[in-house]
Amino acid sequence: LTPPNRHSSPSAPPTTAYPALLKDIVIFKEGTCQEDITKAENDIIDQGGNITNRYNTALLGFAASIPESSIQALNIHPSVDYIEPDGVVTTQ
């Protein structure tokens, strides 16, 4: 039996990789059913994002911190009308 190498460095602690989150507003096409919107929200949450606001009066959609992988999926989602960065809007 070979004794353990006492001069080897200890293994580094595991690191958790967090996805890059983008703050965006996702707007769905008129007539999109709530089930499709809820599924999109749940997919974002499952990927490490979170929903920060929901819109269902003038617009149909939500604001969220969204992982890049979810943005890619939303960009090709047939019910999504558009996605835009969430930020402060000012008037002059």
PDB file of N, CA and C in Angstrom:
ATOM      1  N   LEU A   1       0.829  -1.185   0.000  1.00  0.00           N
ATOM      2  CA  LEU A   1       0.000   0.000   0.000  1.00  0.00           C
ATOM      3  C   LEU A   1       0.871   1.245   0.000  1.00  0.00           C
ATOM      4  N   THR A   2       0.458   2.227  -0.755  1.00  0.00           N
ATOM      5  CA  THR A   2       1.188   3.484  -0.826  1.00  0.00           C
ATOM      6  C   THR A   2       0.506   4.492   0.083  1.00  0.00           C
ATOM      7  N   PRO A   3       1.277   5.148   0.965  1.00  0.00           N
ATOM      8  CA  PRO A   3       0.656   6.147   1.842  1.00  0.00           C
ATOM      9  C   PRO A   3       0.185   7.350   1.019  1.00  0.00           C
ATOM     10  N   PRO A   4      -0.837   8.038   1.501  1.00  0.00           N
ATOM     11  CA  PRO A   4      -1.321   9.205   0.768  1.00  0.00           C
ATOM     12  C   PRO A   4      -0.241  10.272   0.678  1.00  0.00           C
ATOM     13  N   ASN A   5      -0.238  11.009  -0.392  1.00  0.00           N
ATOM     14  CA  ASN A   5       0.731  12.081  -0.595  1.00  0.00           C
ATOM     15  C   ASN A   5       0.331  13.263   0.272  1.00  0.00           C
ATOM     16  N   ARG A   6       1.103  13.516   1.290  1.00  0.00           N
ATOM     17  CA  ARG A   6       0.775  14.591   2.225  1.00  0.00           C
ATOM     18  C   ARG A   6       1.166  15.959   1.681  1.00  0.00           C
ATOM     19  N   HIS A   7       1.843  16.008   0.560  1.00  0.00           N
ATOM     20  CA  HIS A   7       2.276  17.281  -0.008  1.00  0.00           C
ATOM     21  C   HIS A   7       1.344  17.773  -1.110  1.00  0.00           C
ATOM     22  N   SER A   8       0.336  16.998  -1.394  1.00  0.00           N
ATOM     23  CA  SER A   8      -0.582  17.461  -2.433  1.00  0.00           C
ATOM     24  C   SER A   8      -1.506  18.520  -1.845  1.00  0.00           C
ATOM     25  N   SER A   9      -1.904  19.446  -2.691  1.00  0.00           N
ATOM     26  CA  SER A   9      -2.778  20.516  -2.213  1.00  0.00           C
ATOM     27  C   SER A   9      -4.191  19.967  -2.039  1.00  0.00           C
ATOM     28  N   PRO A  10      -4.901  20.509  -1.059  1.00  0.00           N
ATOM     29  CA  PRO A  10      -6.276  20.038  -0.875  1.00  0.00           C
ATOM     30  C   PRO A  10      -7.125  20.423  -2.080  1.00  0.00           C
ATOM     31  N   SER A  11      -8.112  19.627  -2.320  1.00  0.00           N
ATOM     32  CA  SER A  11      -8.960  19.938  -3.469  1.00  0.00           C
ATOM     33  C   SER A  11      -9.762  21.207  -3.189  1.00  0.00           C
ATOM     34  N   ALA A  12      -9.962  21.969  -4.249  1.00  0.00           N
ATOM     35  CA  ALA A  12     -10.697  23.227  -4.124  1.00  0.00           C
ATOM     36  C   ALA A  12     -12.158  22.925  -3.827  1.00  0.00           C
ATOM     37  N   PRO A  13     -12.787  23.793  -3.023  1.00  0.00           N
ATOM     38  CA  PRO A  13     -14.202  23.563  -2.741  1.00  0.00           C
ATOM     39  C   PRO A  13     -15.013  23.709  -4.019  1.00  0.00           C
ATOM     40  N   PRO A  14     -16.083  22.963  -4.123  1.00  0.00           N
ATOM     41  CA  PRO A  14     -16.893  23.070  -5.341  1.00  0.00           C
ATOM     42  C   PRO A  14     -17.495  24.469  -5.467  1.00  0.00           C
ATOM     43  N   THR A  15     -17.590  24.935  -6.686  1.00  0.00           N
ATOM     44  CA  THR A  15     -18.202  26.239  -6.917  1.00  0.00           C
ATOM     45  C   THR A  15     -19.522  26.033  -7.633  1.00  0.00           C
ATOM     46  N   THR A  16     -20.449  26.904  -7.332  1.00  0.00           N
ATOM     47  CA  THR A  16     -21.748  26.843  -7.985  1.00  0.00           C
ATOM     48  C   THR A  16     -21.777  27.900  -9.063  1.00  0.00           C
ATOM     49  N   ALA A  17     -22.063  27.494 -10.262  1.00  0.00           N
ATOM     50  CA  ALA A  17     -22.138  28.446 -11.373  1.00  0.00           C
ATOM     51  C   ALA A  17     -23.564  28.976 -11.456  1.00  0.00           C
ATOM     52  N   TYR A  18     -23.687  30.283 -11.379  1.00  0.00           N
ATOM     53  CA  TYR A  18     -24.993  30.910 -11.502  1.00  0.00           C
ATOM     54  C   TYR A  18     -25.132  31.458 -12.912  1.00  0.00           C
ATOM     55  N   PRO A  19     -26.312  31.286 -13.509  1.00  0.00           N
ATOM     56  CA  PRO A  19     -26.491  31.798 -14.869  1.00  0.00           C
ATOM     57  C   PRO A  19     -26.513  33.321 -14.872  1.00  0.00           C
ATOM     58  N   ALA A  20     -26.050  33.902 -15.967  1.00  0.00           N
ATOM     59  CA  ALA A  20     -26.147  35.348 -16.129  1.00  0.00           C
ATOM     60  C   ALA A  20     -27.620  35.682 -16.302  1.00  0.00           C
ATOM     61  N   LEU A  21     -28.095  36.630 -15.506  1.00  0.00           N
ATOM     62  CA  LEU A  21     -29.500  37.010 -15.580  1.00  0.00           C
ATOM     63  C   LEU A  21     -29.636  38.357 -16.268  1.00  0.00           C
ATOM     64  N   LEU A  22     -30.587  38.438 -17.173  1.00  0.00           N
ATOM     65  CA  LEU A  22     -30.874  39.667 -17.900  1.00  0.00           C
ATOM     66  C   LEU A  22     -32.231  40.176 -17.449  1.00  0.00           C
ATOM     67  N   LYS A  23     -32.320  41.472 -17.156  1.00  0.00           N
ATOM     68  CA  LYS A  23     -33.598  42.053 -16.742  1.00  0.00           C
ATOM     69  C   LYS A  23     -34.344  42.494 -17.989  1.00  0.00           C
ATOM     70  N   ASP A  24     -35.423  41.790 -18.279  1.00  0.00           N
ATOM     71  CA  ASP A  24     -36.177  42.039 -19.498  1.00  0.00           C
ATOM     72  C   ASP A  24     -37.671  42.047 -19.228  1.00  0.00           C
ATOM     73  N   ILE A  25     -38.396  42.607 -20.185  1.00  0.00           N
ATOM     74  CA  ILE A  25     -39.852  42.551 -20.202  1.00  0.00           C
ATOM     75  C   ILE A  25     -40.240  41.679 -21.386  1.00  0.00           C
ATOM     76  N   VAL A  26     -41.083  40.703 -21.121  1.00  0.00           N
ATOM     77  CA  VAL A  26     -41.550  39.787 -22.161  1.00  0.00           C
ATOM     78  C   VAL A  26     -43.029  40.080 -22.401  1.00  0.00           C
ATOM     79  N   ILE A  27     -43.370  40.431 -23.634  1.00  0.00           N
ATOM     80  CA  ILE A  27     -44.752  40.734 -23.993  1.00  0.00           C
ATOM     81  C   ILE A  27     -45.252  39.660 -24.957  1.00  0.00           C
ATOM     82  N   PHE A  28     -46.418  39.130 -24.638  1.00  0.00           N
ATOM     83  CA  PHE A  28     -47.028  38.085 -25.450  1.00  0.00           C
ATOM     84  C   PHE A  28     -48.041  38.684 -26.421  1.00  0.00           C
ATOM     85  N   LYS A  29     -48.283  37.949 -27.478  1.00  0.00           N
ATOM     86  CA  LYS A  29     -49.257  38.375 -28.486  1.00  0.00           C
ATOM     87  C   LYS A  29     -50.665  38.365 -27.892  1.00  0.00           C
ATOM     88  N   GLU A  30     -51.487  39.258 -28.392  1.00  0.00           N
ATOM     89  CA  GLU A  30     -52.879  39.318 -27.966  1.00  0.00           C
ATOM     90  C   GLU A  30     -53.529  37.956 -28.201  1.00  0.00           C
ATOM     91  N   GLY A  31     -54.300  37.500 -27.226  1.00  0.00           N
ATOM     92  CA  GLY A  31     -54.977  36.216 -27.351  1.00  0.00           C
ATOM     93  C   GLY A  31     -54.200  35.035 -26.805  1.00  0.00           C
ATOM     94  N   THR A  32     -52.969  35.260 -26.344  1.00  0.00           N
ATOM     95  CA  THR A  32     -52.185  34.164 -25.763  1.00  0.00           C
ATOM     96  C   THR A  32     -52.876  33.689 -24.486  1.00  0.00           C
ATOM     97  N   CYS A  33     -53.020  32.387 -24.330  1.00  0.00           N
ATOM     98  CA  CYS A  33     -53.695  31.861 -23.141  1.00  0.00           C
ATOM     99  C   CYS A  33     -52.771  31.948 -21.922  1.00  0.00           C
ATOM    100  N   GLN A  34     -53.387  32.089 -20.757  1.00  0.00           N
ATOM    101  CA  GLN A  34     -52.637  32.221 -19.509  1.00  0.00           C
ATOM    102  C   GLN A  34     -51.750  31.006 -19.264  1.00  0.00           C
ATOM    103  N   GLU A  35     -52.172  29.855 -19.704  1.00  0.00           N
ATOM    104  CA  GLU A  35     -51.383  28.632 -19.529  1.00  0.00           C
ATOM    105  C   GLU A  35     -50.010  28.752 -20.202  1.00  0.00           C
ATOM    106  N   ASP A  36     -49.950  29.333 -21.402  1.00  0.00           N
ATOM    107  CA  ASP A  36     -48.675  29.521 -22.105  1.00  0.00           C
ATOM    108  C   ASP A  36     -47.770  30.492 -21.352  1.00  0.00           C
ATOM    109  N   ILE A  37     -48.365  31.546 -20.805  1.00  0.00           N
ATOM    110  CA  ILE A  37     -47.581  32.536 -20.059  1.00  0.00           C
ATOM    111  C   ILE A  37     -47.045  31.916 -18.778  1.00  0.00           C
ATOM    112  N   THR A  38     -47.893  31.189 -18.067  1.00  0.00           N
ATOM    113  CA  THR A  38     -47.472  30.533 -16.826  1.00  0.00           C
ATOM    114  C   THR A  38     -46.363  29.523 -17.093  1.00  0.00           C
ATOM    115  N   LYS A  39     -46.450  28.778 -18.183  1.00  0.00           N
ATOM    116  CA  LYS A  39     -45.391  27.821 -18.525  1.00  0.00           C
ATOM    117  C   LYS A  39     -44.074  28.547 -18.783  1.00  0.00           C
ATOM    118  N   ALA A  40     -44.112  29.671 -19.503  1.00  0.00           N
ATOM    119  CA  ALA A  40     -42.895  30.451 -19.760  1.00  0.00           C
ATOM    120  C   ALA A  40     -42.310  30.964 -18.445  1.00  0.00           C
ATOM    121  N   GLU A  41     -43.169  31.442 -17.541  1.00  0.00           N
ATOM    122  CA  GLU A  41     -42.694  31.909 -16.233  1.00  0.00           C
ATOM    123  C   GLU A  41     -42.035  30.769 -15.462  1.00  0.00           C
ATOM    124  N   ASN A  42     -42.679  29.614 -15.440  1.00  0.00           N
ATOM    125  CA  ASN A  42     -42.128  28.463 -14.715  1.00  0.00           C
ATOM    126  C   ASN A  42     -40.806  27.998 -15.311  1.00  0.00           C
ATOM    127  N   ASP A  43     -40.676  28.041 -16.625  1.00  0.00           N
ATOM    128  CA  ASP A  43     -39.410  27.674 -17.270  1.00  0.00           C
ATOM    129  C   ASP A  43     -38.293  28.614 -16.830  1.00  0.00           C
ATOM    130  N   ILE A  44     -38.594  29.907 -16.739  1.00  0.00           N
ATOM    131  CA  ILE A  44     -37.602  30.892 -16.295  1.00  0.00           C
ATOM    132  C   ILE A  44     -37.185  30.604 -14.859  1.00  0.00           C
ATOM    133  N   ILE A  45     -38.157  30.359 -13.994  1.00  0.00           N
ATOM    134  CA  ILE A  45     -37.865  30.069 -12.590  1.00  0.00           C
ATOM    135  C   ILE A  45     -37.046  28.785 -12.470  1.00  0.00           C
ATOM    136  N   ASP A  46     -37.401  27.760 -13.241  1.00  0.00           N
ATOM    137  CA  ASP A  46     -36.661  26.488 -13.215  1.00  0.00           C
ATOM    138  C   ASP A  46     -35.205  26.660 -13.642  1.00  0.00           C
ATOM    139  N   GLN A  47     -34.918  27.663 -14.472  1.00  0.00           N
ATOM    140  CA  GLN A  47     -33.553  27.915 -14.950  1.00  0.00           C
ATOM    141  C   GLN A  47     -32.793  28.891 -14.049  1.00  0.00           C
ATOM    142  N   GLY A  48     -33.393  29.306 -12.917  1.00  0.00           N
ATOM    143  CA  GLY A  48     -32.695  30.177 -11.972  1.00  0.00           C
ATOM    144  C   GLY A  48     -33.099  31.635 -12.042  1.00  0.00           C
ATOM    145  N   GLY A  49     -34.080  31.964 -12.857  1.00  0.00           N
ATOM    146  CA  GLY A  49     -34.548  33.349 -12.951  1.00  0.00           C
ATOM    147  C   GLY A  49     -35.686  33.607 -11.986  1.00  0.00           C
ATOM    148  N   ASN A  50     -36.212  34.823 -12.029  1.00  0.00           N
ATOM    149  CA  ASN A  50     -37.373  35.129 -11.210  1.00  0.00           C
ATOM    150  C   ASN A  50     -38.247  36.187 -11.883  1.00  0.00           C
ATOM    151  N   ILE A  51     -39.533  36.098 -11.626  1.00  0.00           N
ATOM    152  CA  ILE A  51     -40.512  37.022 -12.181  1.00  0.00           C
ATOM    153  C   ILE A  51     -40.642  38.183 -11.201  1.00  0.00           C
ATOM    154  N   THR A  52     -40.501  39.416 -11.703  1.00  0.00           N
ATOM    155  CA  THR A  52     -40.559  40.582 -10.822  1.00  0.00           C
ATOM    156  C   THR A  52     -41.857  41.362 -10.946  1.00  0.00           C
ATOM    157  N   ASN A  53     -42.563  41.229 -12.048  1.00  0.00           N
ATOM    158  CA  ASN A  53     -43.826  41.924 -12.282  1.00  0.00           C
ATOM    159  C   ASN A  53     -44.631  41.163 -13.317  1.00  0.00           C
ATOM    160  N   ARG A  54     -45.936  41.213 -13.178  1.00  0.00           N
ATOM    161  CA  ARG A  54     -46.824  40.607 -14.180  1.00  0.00           C
ATOM    162  C   ARG A  54     -47.717  41.691 -14.751  1.00  0.00           C
ATOM    163  N   TYR A  55     -47.966  41.625 -16.050  1.00  0.00           N
ATOM    164  CA  TYR A  55     -48.808  42.605 -16.734  1.00  0.00           C
ATOM    165  C   TYR A  55     -49.978  41.881 -17.383  1.00  0.00           C
ATOM    166  N   ASN A  56     -51.192  42.362 -17.108  1.00  0.00           N
ATOM    167  CA  ASN A  56     -52.353  41.730 -17.730  1.00  0.00           C
ATOM    168  C   ASN A  56     -53.472  42.722 -18.029  1.00  0.00           C
ATOM    169  N   THR A  57     -53.159  44.023 -17.987  1.00  0.00           N
ATOM    170  CA  THR A  57     -54.179  45.018 -18.299  1.00  0.00           C
ATOM    171  C   THR A  57     -53.912  45.618 -19.671  1.00  0.00           C
ATOM    172  N   ALA A  58     -52.964  46.540 -19.754  1.00  0.00           N
ATOM    173  CA  ALA A  58     -52.645  47.165 -21.046  1.00  0.00           C
ATOM    174  C   ALA A  58     -51.785  46.243 -21.907  1.00  0.00           C
ATOM    175  N   LEU A  59     -50.935  45.458 -21.251  1.00  0.00           N
ATOM    176  CA  LEU A  59     -50.054  44.512 -21.935  1.00  0.00           C
ATOM    177  C   LEU A  59     -50.250  43.139 -21.320  1.00  0.00           C
ATOM    178  N   LEU A  60     -49.861  42.131 -22.045  1.00  0.00           N
ATOM    179  CA  LEU A  60     -49.940  40.756 -21.569  1.00  0.00           C
ATOM    180  C   LEU A  60     -48.518  40.215 -21.492  1.00  0.00           C
ATOM    181  N   GLY A  61     -47.998  40.080 -20.269  1.00  0.00           N
ATOM    182  CA  GLY A  61     -46.634  39.586 -20.139  1.00  0.00           C
ATOM    183  C   GLY A  61     -46.096  39.742 -18.739  1.00  0.00           C
ATOM    184  N   PHE A  62     -44.766  39.860 -18.642  1.00  0.00           N
ATOM    185  CA  PHE A  62     -44.128  39.972 -17.341  1.00  0.00           C
ATOM    186  C   PHE A  62     -42.745  40.594 -17.476  1.00  0.00           C
ATOM    187  N   ALA A  63     -42.259  41.106 -16.347  1.00  0.00           N
ATOM    188  CA  ALA A  63     -40.872  41.550 -16.224  1.00  0.00           C
ATOM    189  C   ALA A  63     -40.166  40.495 -15.382  1.00  0.00           C
ATOM    190  N   ALA A  64     -38.910  40.236 -15.704  1.00  0.00           N
ATOM    191  CA  ALA A  64     -38.210  39.174 -14.998  1.00  0.00           C
ATOM    192  C   ALA A  64     -36.701  39.326 -15.120  1.00  0.00           C
ATOM    193  N   SER A  65     -36.003  38.666 -14.212  1.00  0.00           N
ATOM    194  CA  SER A  65     -34.568  38.436 -14.348  1.00  0.00           C
ATOM    195  C   SER A  65     -34.460  37.064 -14.997  1.00  0.00           C
ATOM    196  N   ILE A  66     -33.955  37.051 -16.227  1.00  0.00           N
ATOM    197  CA  ILE A  66     -34.069  35.864 -17.068  1.00  0.00           C
ATOM    198  C   ILE A  66     -32.686  35.343 -17.465  1.00  0.00           C
ATOM    199  N   PRO A  67     -32.432  34.045 -17.261  1.00  0.00           N
ATOM    200  CA  PRO A  67     -31.176  33.463 -17.744  1.00  0.00           C
ATOM    201  C   PRO A  67     -31.096  33.560 -19.269  1.00  0.00           C
ATOM    202  N   GLU A  68     -29.874  33.720 -19.774  1.00  0.00           N
ATOM    203  CA  GLU A  68     -29.684  33.853 -21.223  1.00  0.00           C
ATOM    204  C   GLU A  68     -30.284  32.681 -21.996  1.00  0.00           C
ATOM    205  N   SER A  69     -30.187  31.481 -21.440  1.00  0.00           N
ATOM    206  CA  SER A  69     -30.740  30.314 -22.142  1.00  0.00           C
ATOM    207  C   SER A  69     -32.254  30.435 -22.300  1.00  0.00           C
ATOM    208  N   SER A  70     -32.915  31.018 -21.318  1.00  0.00           N
ATOM    209  CA  SER A  70     -34.363  31.210 -21.413  1.00  0.00           C
ATOM    210  C   SER A  70     -34.707  32.298 -22.420  1.00  0.00           C
ATOM    211  N   ILE A  71     -33.861  33.329 -22.528  1.00  0.00           N
ATOM    212  CA  ILE A  71     -34.092  34.390 -23.519  1.00  0.00           C
ATOM    213  C   ILE A  71     -34.076  33.780 -24.917  1.00  0.00           C
ATOM    214  N   GLN A  72     -33.120  32.892 -25.158  1.00  0.00           N
ATOM    215  CA  GLN A  72     -33.027  32.257 -26.475  1.00  0.00           C
ATOM    216  C   GLN A  72     -34.299  31.481 -26.791  1.00  0.00           C
ATOM    217  N   ALA A  73     -34.835  30.769 -25.804  1.00  0.00           N
ATOM    218  CA  ALA A  73     -36.068  30.005 -26.019  1.00  0.00           C
ATOM    219  C   ALA A  73     -37.257  30.936 -26.232  1.00  0.00           C
ATOM    220  N   LEU A  74     -37.314  32.032 -25.482  1.00  0.00           N
ATOM    221  CA  LEU A  74     -38.421  32.981 -25.631  1.00  0.00           C
ATOM    222  C   LEU A  74     -38.394  33.666 -26.994  1.00  0.00           C
ATOM    223  N   ASN A  75     -37.195  33.913 -27.509  1.00  0.00           N
ATOM    224  CA  ASN A  75     -37.071  34.573 -28.816  1.00  0.00           C
ATOM    225  C   ASN A  75     -37.717  33.773 -29.944  1.00  0.00           C
ATOM    226  N   ILE A  76     -37.809  32.469 -29.787  1.00  0.00           N
ATOM    227  CA  ILE A  76     -38.419  31.653 -30.842  1.00  0.00           C
ATOM    228  C   ILE A  76     -39.807  31.133 -30.444  1.00  0.00           C
ATOM    229  N   HIS A  77     -40.287  31.546 -29.271  1.00  0.00           N
ATOM    230  CA  HIS A  77     -41.611  31.125 -28.801  1.00  0.00           C
ATOM    231  C   HIS A  77     -42.677  31.771 -29.679  1.00  0.00           C
ATOM    232  N   PRO A  78     -43.582  30.987 -30.256  1.00  0.00           N
ATOM    233  CA  PRO A  78     -44.559  31.545 -31.194  1.00  0.00           C
ATOM    234  C   PRO A  78     -45.542  32.539 -30.578  1.00  0.00           C
ATOM    235  N   SER A  79     -45.735  32.507 -29.260  1.00  0.00           N
ATOM    236  CA  SER A  79     -46.683  33.423 -28.622  1.00  0.00           C
ATOM    237  C   SER A  79     -46.048  34.722 -28.144  1.00  0.00           C
ATOM    238  N   VAL A  80     -44.716  34.796 -28.162  1.00  0.00           N
ATOM    239  CA  VAL A  80     -44.039  36.013 -27.695  1.00  0.00           C
ATOM    240  C   VAL A  80     -44.069  37.059 -28.798  1.00  0.00           C
ATOM    241  N   ASP A  81     -44.568  38.245 -28.449  1.00  0.00           N
ATOM    242  CA  ASP A  81     -44.614  39.357 -29.401  1.00  0.00           C
ATOM    243  C   ASP A  81     -43.246  40.031 -29.470  1.00  0.00           C
ATOM    244  N   TYR A  82     -42.701  40.391 -28.289  1.00  0.00           N
ATOM    245  CA  TYR A  82     -41.365  40.985 -28.252  1.00  0.00           C
ATOM    246  C   TYR A  82     -40.789  40.917 -26.845  1.00  0.00           C
ATOM    247  N   ILE A  83     -39.474  41.109 -26.776  1.00  0.00           N
ATOM    248  CA  ILE A  83     -38.732  41.151 -25.518  1.00  0.00           C
ATOM    249  C   ILE A  83     -37.895  42.415 -25.558  1.00  0.00           C
ATOM    250  N   GLU A  84     -37.925  43.176 -24.458  1.00  0.00           N
ATOM    251  CA  GLU A  84     -37.096  44.379 -24.411  1.00  0.00           C
ATOM    252  C   GLU A  84     -36.470  44.505 -23.034  1.00  0.00           C
ATOM    253  N   PRO A  85     -35.325  45.186 -22.956  1.00  0.00           N
ATOM    254  CA  PRO A  85     -34.670  45.369 -21.663  1.00  0.00           C
ATOM    255  C   PRO A  85     -35.578  46.133 -20.699  1.00  0.00           C
ATOM    256  N   ASP A  86     -35.566  45.718 -19.446  1.00  0.00           N
ATOM    257  CA  ASP A  86     -36.327  46.403 -18.411  1.00  0.00           C
ATOM    258  C   ASP A  86     -35.459  47.525 -17.865  1.00  0.00           C
ATOM    259  N   GLY A  87     -36.003  48.701 -17.784  1.00  0.00           N
ATOM    260  CA  GLY A  87     -35.246  49.834 -17.272  1.00  0.00           C
ATOM    261  C   GLY A  87     -36.163  51.000 -16.980  1.00  0.00           C
ATOM    262  N   VAL A  88     -35.564  52.078 -16.575  1.00  0.00           N
ATOM    263  CA  VAL A  88     -36.303  53.288 -16.251  1.00  0.00           C
ATOM    264  C   VAL A  88     -36.652  54.019 -17.536  1.00  0.00           C
ATOM    265  N   VAL A  89     -37.899  54.429 -17.645  1.00  0.00           N
ATOM    266  CA  VAL A  89     -38.356  55.199 -18.797  1.00  0.00           C
ATOM    267  C   VAL A  89     -38.630  56.616 -18.321  1.00  0.00           C
ATOM    268  N   THR A  90     -38.085  57.593 -19.046  1.00  0.00           N
ATOM    269  CA  THR A  90     -38.315  58.990 -18.674  1.00  0.00           C
ATOM    270  C   THR A  90     -38.930  59.740 -19.843  1.00  0.00           C
ATOM    271  N   THR A  91     -39.617  60.824 -19.522  1.00  0.00           N
ATOM    272  CA  THR A  91     -40.157  61.706 -20.555  1.00  0.00           C
ATOM    273  C   THR A  91     -39.507  63.063 -20.392  1.00  0.00           C
ATOM    274  N   GLN A  92     -39.453  63.821 -21.478  1.00  0.00           N
ATOM    275  CA  GLN A  92     -38.803  65.134 -21.400  1.00  0.00           C
ATOM    276  C   GLN A  92     -39.792  66.240 -21.540  1.00  0.00           C
TER     277      GLN A  92
END
